[in-house]
Amino acid sequence: MSDNQYPVAPAVVRLPRYTKAEQDEILGDGDDPFGVAATGLNWLPKEEHFGIRHGDRLVAHTGLLRLPVGIGDTRTEVVGVGGVAVAPDMQGRGLARLVVTAALDHARTMGPQHALLFCRPPLVPLYQHLGWHPLDEDVLVEQPETRLVTMPLRTMVTPLHDKAHWPSGPVRLFSLPM
């Protein structure tokens, strides 16, 4: 058996909460665990959490949050996906795919037609492999003091339901990013 394989597929569980200590358990306690501090953005905490444990240790996480968004002339909601994390020593085992897929399965019960995430450019191929599509449009997000800023990270979307169609036009998140 390869070192990259589990004898039994790891189970994704819904977490009742996701604390800074749990994030540190996965990613360590560095100043910039997601590599986005240079953006200078403020982020929203997620409301729904999914994780994978290896023994007693949390090794992967994904969070969800419903958010209001404007796309062209359409005002709707999306499920924001964020806080995707896999412990460095556990990467390459398909854990990101498992935890994101489980979170999206739940997102399909939340009502919105699409999920949206922001990621660093090196992660775009991973999310494309998982069925996400990069948006070509800039996305405006709110920040404190009623500022609107252009999201510097890559925005990606995925449909949550058959026949869901992403409208064309400028995109504005009516909240802080997730």
C-alpha atoms as a PDB file:
ATOM      1  CA  MET A   1       0.000   0.000   0.000  1.00  0.00           C
ATOM      2  CA  SER A   2       1.293   3.453  -0.929  1.00  0.00           C
ATOM      3  CA  ASP A   3       2.059   5.939   1.829  1.00  0.00           C
ATOM      4  CA  ASN A   4      -0.491   8.234   0.165  1.00  0.00           C
ATOM      5  CA  GLN A   5      -3.413   5.857   0.641  1.00  0.00           C
ATOM      6  CA  TYR A   6      -5.688   5.227   3.596  1.00  0.00           C
ATOM      7  CA  PRO A   7      -6.659   1.599   4.286  1.00  0.00           C
ATOM      8  CA  VAL A   8     -10.248   2.915   4.452  1.00  0.00           C
ATOM      9  CA  ALA A   9     -11.394   6.142   2.818  1.00  0.00           C
ATOM     10  CA  PRO A  10     -11.332   8.952   5.389  1.00  0.00           C
ATOM     11  CA  ALA A  11     -14.730  10.193   6.509  1.00  0.00           C
ATOM     12  CA  VAL A  12     -15.769  13.822   6.278  1.00  0.00           C
ATOM     13  CA  VAL A  13     -17.685  14.979   9.334  1.00  0.00           C
ATOM     14  CA  ARG A  14     -19.709  18.077  10.022  1.00  0.00           C
ATOM     15  CA  LEU A  15     -17.963  20.098  12.698  1.00  0.00           C
ATOM     16  CA  PRO A  16     -20.022  21.934  15.332  1.00  0.00           C
ATOM     17  CA  ARG A  17     -17.485  24.768  15.243  1.00  0.00           C
ATOM     18  CA  TYR A  18     -14.064  25.592  13.837  1.00  0.00           C
ATOM     19  CA  THR A  19     -11.697  27.397  16.158  1.00  0.00           C
ATOM     20  CA  LYS A  20      -8.362  29.106  15.679  1.00  0.00           C
ATOM     21  CA  ALA A  21      -6.809  26.211  17.624  1.00  0.00           C
ATOM     22  CA  GLU A  22      -8.267  23.740  15.117  1.00  0.00           C
ATOM     23  CA  GLN A  23      -6.991  25.821  12.207  1.00  0.00           C
ATOM     24  CA  ASP A  24      -3.551  25.839  13.867  1.00  0.00           C
ATOM     25  CA  GLU A  25      -3.819  22.046  14.255  1.00  0.00           C
ATOM     26  CA  ILE A  26      -4.111  21.768  10.462  1.00  0.00           C
ATOM     27  CA  LEU A  27      -1.880  24.576   9.205  1.00  0.00           C
ATOM     28  CA  GLY A  28       0.353  25.506  12.127  1.00  0.00           C
ATOM     29  CA  ASP A  29       0.238  28.807  13.949  1.00  0.00           C
ATOM     30  CA  GLY A  30       1.984  31.000  11.370  1.00  0.00           C
ATOM     31  CA  ASP A  31       0.986  34.597  10.733  1.00  0.00           C
ATOM     32  CA  ASP A  32      -0.421  33.895   7.246  1.00  0.00           C
ATOM     33  CA  PRO A  33      -1.610  30.273   7.011  1.00  0.00           C
ATOM     34  CA  PHE A  34      -3.626  30.847   3.803  1.00  0.00           C
ATOM     35  CA  GLY A  35      -1.047  33.053   2.090  1.00  0.00           C
ATOM     36  CA  VAL A  36      -3.472  35.961   1.649  1.00  0.00           C
ATOM     37  CA  ALA A  37      -2.358  38.497   4.267  1.00  0.00           C
ATOM     38  CA  ALA A  38      -0.718  40.646   1.572  1.00  0.00           C
ATOM     39  CA  THR A  39      -4.197  41.363   0.156  1.00  0.00           C
ATOM     40  CA  GLY A  40      -4.978  43.430   3.264  1.00  0.00           C
ATOM     41  CA  LEU A  41      -8.571  42.173   3.216  1.00  0.00           C
ATOM     42  CA  ASN A  42     -10.893  41.506   6.127  1.00  0.00           C
ATOM     43  CA  TRP A  43     -12.703  38.157   5.877  1.00  0.00           C
ATOM     44  CA  LEU A  44     -15.955  36.748   7.249  1.00  0.00           C
ATOM     45  CA  PRO A  45     -15.955  33.630   9.409  1.00  0.00           C
ATOM     46  CA  LYS A  46     -17.757  30.641   7.937  1.00  0.00           C
ATOM     47  CA  GLU A  47     -20.982  29.317   9.514  1.00  0.00           C
ATOM     48  CA  GLU A  48     -20.942  25.676   8.393  1.00  0.00           C
ATOM     49  CA  HIS A  49     -17.821  23.537   8.837  1.00  0.00           C
ATOM     50  CA  PHE A  50     -16.666  20.185   7.490  1.00  0.00           C
ATOM     51  CA  GLY A  51     -13.512  18.336   8.397  1.00  0.00           C
ATOM     52  CA  ILE A  52     -11.506  15.150   8.216  1.00  0.00           C
ATOM     53  CA  ARG A  53      -9.780  13.624  11.219  1.00  0.00           C
ATOM     54  CA  HIS A  54      -6.803  11.307  11.147  1.00  0.00           C
ATOM     55  CA  GLY A  55      -6.840   9.658  14.543  1.00  0.00           C
ATOM     56  CA  ASP A  56      -7.557  12.468  17.012  1.00  0.00           C
ATOM     57  CA  ARG A  57      -6.070  15.138  14.748  1.00  0.00           C
ATOM     58  CA  LEU A  58      -8.072  17.414  12.448  1.00  0.00           C
ATOM     59  CA  VAL A  59      -6.221  17.314   9.100  1.00  0.00           C
ATOM     60  CA  ALA A  60      -8.621  19.004   6.646  1.00  0.00           C
ATOM     61  CA  HIS A  61     -11.368  21.647   6.718  1.00  0.00           C
ATOM     62  CA  THR A  62     -13.787  23.538   4.473  1.00  0.00           C
ATOM     63  CA  GLY A  63     -16.263  26.202   5.568  1.00  0.00           C
ATOM     64  CA  LEU A  64     -19.466  27.570   4.015  1.00  0.00           C
ATOM     65  CA  LEU A  65     -21.473  30.763   4.286  1.00  0.00           C
ATOM     66  CA  ARG A  66     -24.499  32.142   2.379  1.00  0.00           C
ATOM     67  CA  LEU A  67     -23.750  35.554   0.890  1.00  0.00           C
ATOM     68  CA  PRO A  68     -25.659  38.206  -1.089  1.00  0.00           C
ATOM     69  CA  VAL A  69     -24.202  38.962  -4.512  1.00  0.00           C
ATOM     70  CA  GLY A  70     -25.042  41.060  -7.527  1.00  0.00           C
ATOM     71  CA  ILE A  71     -24.266  39.709 -11.001  1.00  0.00           C
ATOM     72  CA  GLY A  72     -25.089  42.214 -13.704  1.00  0.00           C
ATOM     73  CA  ASP A  73     -28.681  43.294 -12.969  1.00  0.00           C
ATOM     74  CA  THR A  74     -29.410  40.146 -10.943  1.00  0.00           C
ATOM     75  CA  ARG A  75     -29.289  40.176  -7.158  1.00  0.00           C
ATOM     76  CA  THR A  76     -29.079  36.705  -5.657  1.00  0.00           C
ATOM     77  CA  GLU A  77     -27.172  34.622  -3.127  1.00  0.00           C
ATOM     78  CA  VAL A  78     -24.217  32.286  -3.421  1.00  0.00           C
ATOM     79  CA  VAL A  79     -22.690  29.823  -1.025  1.00  0.00           C
ATOM     80  CA  GLY A  80     -19.234  31.097  -0.220  1.00  0.00           C
ATOM     81  CA  VAL A  81     -16.615  28.398   0.229  1.00  0.00           C
ATOM     82  CA  GLY A  82     -13.529  29.232   2.240  1.00  0.00           C
ATOM     83  CA  GLY A  83     -11.064  28.140   4.845  1.00  0.00           C
ATOM     84  CA  VAL A  84     -10.111  25.146   2.706  1.00  0.00           C
ATOM     85  CA  ALA A  85      -7.118  23.649   4.455  1.00  0.00           C
ATOM     86  CA  VAL A  86      -5.208  20.372   4.392  1.00  0.00           C
ATOM     87  CA  ALA A  87      -2.322  19.702   6.764  1.00  0.00           C
ATOM     88  CA  PRO A  88       0.964  19.916   4.816  1.00  0.00           C
ATOM     89  CA  ASP A  89       1.994  16.390   5.818  1.00  0.00           C
ATOM     90  CA  MET A  90      -1.358  15.032   4.548  1.00  0.00           C
ATOM     91  CA  GLN A  91      -1.473  16.756   1.155  1.00  0.00           C
ATOM     92  CA  GLY A  92      -1.583  14.692  -2.025  1.00  0.00           C
ATOM     93  CA  ARG A  93      -4.043  12.163  -0.565  1.00  0.00           C
ATOM     94  CA  GLY A  94      -7.252  13.595  -2.023  1.00  0.00           C
ATOM     95  CA  LEU A  95      -8.398  15.153   1.252  1.00  0.00           C
ATOM     96  CA  ALA A  96      -9.165  18.550  -0.316  1.00  0.00           C
ATOM     97  CA  ARG A  97     -11.386  16.832  -2.881  1.00  0.00           C
ATOM     98  CA  LEU A  98     -13.197  14.868  -0.168  1.00  0.00           C
ATOM     99  CA  VAL A  99     -13.826  17.773   2.195  1.00  0.00           C
ATOM    100  CA  VAL A 100     -14.823  20.236  -0.580  1.00  0.00           C
ATOM    101  CA  THR A 101     -17.138  17.647  -2.189  1.00  0.00           C
ATOM    102  CA  ALA A 102     -18.871  16.974   1.139  1.00  0.00           C
ATOM    103  CA  ALA A 103     -19.252  20.692   1.786  1.00  0.00           C
ATOM    104  CA  LEU A 104     -20.734  21.207  -1.703  1.00  0.00           C
ATOM    105  CA  ASP A 105     -23.165  18.328  -1.124  1.00  0.00           C
ATOM    106  CA  HIS A 106     -24.428  20.269   1.889  1.00  0.00           C
ATOM    107  CA  ALA A 107     -24.354  23.571  -0.037  1.00  0.00           C
ATOM    108  CA  ARG A 108     -26.864  22.068  -2.491  1.00  0.00           C
ATOM    109  CA  THR A 109     -29.400  21.990   0.377  1.00  0.00           C
ATOM    110  CA  MET A 110     -28.871  25.675   1.243  1.00  0.00           C
ATOM    111  CA  GLY A 111     -30.830  27.194  -1.670  1.00  0.00           C
ATOM    112  CA  PRO A 112     -28.379  29.186  -3.826  1.00  0.00           C
ATOM    113  CA  GLN A 113     -27.644  27.994  -7.367  1.00  0.00           C
ATOM    114  CA  HIS A 114     -23.867  28.538  -7.240  1.00  0.00           C
ATOM    115  CA  ALA A 115     -20.899  28.315  -4.905  1.00  0.00           C
ATOM    116  CA  LEU A 116     -18.125  30.888  -5.074  1.00  0.00           C
ATOM    117  CA  LEU A 117     -14.583  30.916  -3.730  1.00  0.00           C
ATOM    118  CA  PHE A 118     -11.468  33.059  -3.876  1.00  0.00           C
ATOM    119  CA  CYS A 119      -8.065  31.427  -4.270  1.00  0.00           C
ATOM    120  CA  ARG A 120      -4.434  32.145  -4.916  1.00  0.00           C
ATOM    121  CA  PRO A 121      -3.435  31.576  -8.577  1.00  0.00           C
ATOM    122  CA  PRO A 122      -1.394  28.400  -7.871  1.00  0.00           C
ATOM    123  CA  LEU A 123      -4.577  26.714  -6.559  1.00  0.00           C
ATOM    124  CA  VAL A 124      -6.674  27.395  -9.675  1.00  0.00           C
ATOM    125  CA  PRO A 125      -5.753  24.027 -11.318  1.00  0.00           C
ATOM    126  CA  LEU A 126      -6.771  22.131  -8.159  1.00  0.00           C
ATOM    127  CA  TYR A 127     -10.193  23.754  -8.118  1.00  0.00           C
ATOM    128  CA  GLN A 128     -10.630  23.353 -11.886  1.00  0.00           C
ATOM    129  CA  HIS A 129      -9.950  19.638 -11.393  1.00  0.00           C
ATOM    130  CA  LEU A 130     -12.778  19.685  -8.824  1.00  0.00           C
ATOM    131  CA  GLY A 131     -15.191  21.258 -11.344  1.00  0.00           C
ATOM    132  CA  TRP A 132     -14.821  24.959 -10.523  1.00  0.00           C
ATOM    133  CA  HIS A 133     -14.607  27.629 -13.250  1.00  0.00           C
ATOM    134  CA  PRO A 134     -12.614  30.874 -13.030  1.00  0.00           C
ATOM    135  CA  LEU A 135     -14.551  34.076 -13.619  1.00  0.00           C
ATOM    136  CA  ASP A 136     -13.130  36.504 -16.143  1.00  0.00           C
ATOM    137  CA  GLU A 137     -14.847  39.484 -14.508  1.00  0.00           C
ATOM    138  CA  ASP A 138     -13.393  41.480 -11.635  1.00  0.00           C
ATOM    139  CA  VAL A 139     -15.308  41.025  -8.400  1.00  0.00           C
ATOM    140  CA  LEU A 140     -15.963  43.892  -6.005  1.00  0.00           C
ATOM    141  CA  VAL A 141     -16.092  43.032  -2.305  1.00  0.00           C
ATOM    142  CA  GLU A 142     -16.953  45.159   0.685  1.00  0.00           C
ATOM    143  CA  GLN A 143     -14.411  46.125   3.294  1.00  0.00           C
ATOM    144  CA  PRO A 144     -14.707  48.143   6.516  1.00  0.00           C
ATOM    145  CA  GLU A 145     -15.591  51.834   6.357  1.00  0.00           C
ATOM    146  CA  THR A 146     -17.928  51.170   3.403  1.00  0.00           C
ATOM    147  CA  ARG A 147     -15.014  50.657   1.021  1.00  0.00           C
ATOM    148  CA  LEU A 148     -15.458  48.618  -2.140  1.00  0.00           C
ATOM    149  CA  VAL A 149     -12.319  46.912  -3.419  1.00  0.00           C
ATOM    150  CA  THR A 150     -11.524  44.674  -6.358  1.00  0.00           C
ATOM    151  CA  MET A 151     -10.802  41.133  -5.167  1.00  0.00           C
ATOM    152  CA  PRO A 152      -7.097  40.520  -5.893  1.00  0.00           C
ATOM    153  CA  LEU A 153      -7.448  36.724  -5.685  1.00  0.00           C
ATOM    154  CA  ARG A 154      -8.881  34.532  -8.430  1.00  0.00           C
ATOM    155  CA  THR A 155     -12.666  34.134  -8.210  1.00  0.00           C
ATOM    156  CA  MET A 156     -14.086  30.727  -9.103  1.00  0.00           C
ATOM    157  CA  VAL A 157     -17.653  29.431  -9.270  1.00  0.00           C
ATOM    158  CA  THR A 158     -19.337  26.061  -9.540  1.00  0.00           C
ATOM    159  CA  PRO A 159     -23.016  25.269 -10.108  1.00  0.00           C
ATOM    160  CA  LEU A 160     -24.842  23.608  -7.242  1.00  0.00           C
ATOM    161  CA  HIS A 161     -27.794  22.416  -9.316  1.00  0.00           C
ATOM    162  CA  ASP A 162     -28.382  21.081 -12.811  1.00  0.00           C
ATOM    163  CA  LYS A 163     -29.073  23.795 -15.349  1.00  0.00           C
ATOM    164  CA  ALA A 164     -27.768  26.537 -13.031  1.00  0.00           C
ATOM    165  CA  HIS A 165     -26.464  29.348 -15.228  1.00  0.00           C
ATOM    166  CA  TRP A 166     -24.067  32.053 -14.027  1.00  0.00           C
ATOM    167  CA  PRO A 167     -25.407  35.376 -15.392  1.00  0.00           C
ATOM    168  CA  SER A 168     -23.084  37.671 -17.303  1.00  0.00           C
ATOM    169  CA  GLY A 169     -22.051  41.058 -16.011  1.00  0.00           C
ATOM    170  CA  PRO A 170     -20.087  42.700 -13.254  1.00  0.00           C
ATOM    171  CA  VAL A 171     -19.976  40.872  -9.922  1.00  0.00           C
ATOM    172  CA  ARG A 172     -20.309  42.488  -6.517  1.00  0.00           C
ATOM    173  CA  LEU A 173     -20.303  40.707  -3.196  1.00  0.00           C
ATOM    174  CA  PHE A 174     -22.545  42.659  -0.810  1.00  0.00           C
ATOM    175  CA  SER A 175     -20.417  41.680   2.185  1.00  0.00           C
ATOM    176  CA  LEU A 176     -16.878  41.035   3.268  1.00  0.00           C
ATOM    177  CA  PRO A 177     -15.365  38.062   1.422  1.00  0.00           C
ATOM    178  CA  MET A 178     -15.479  34.658   3.051  1.00  0.00           C
END
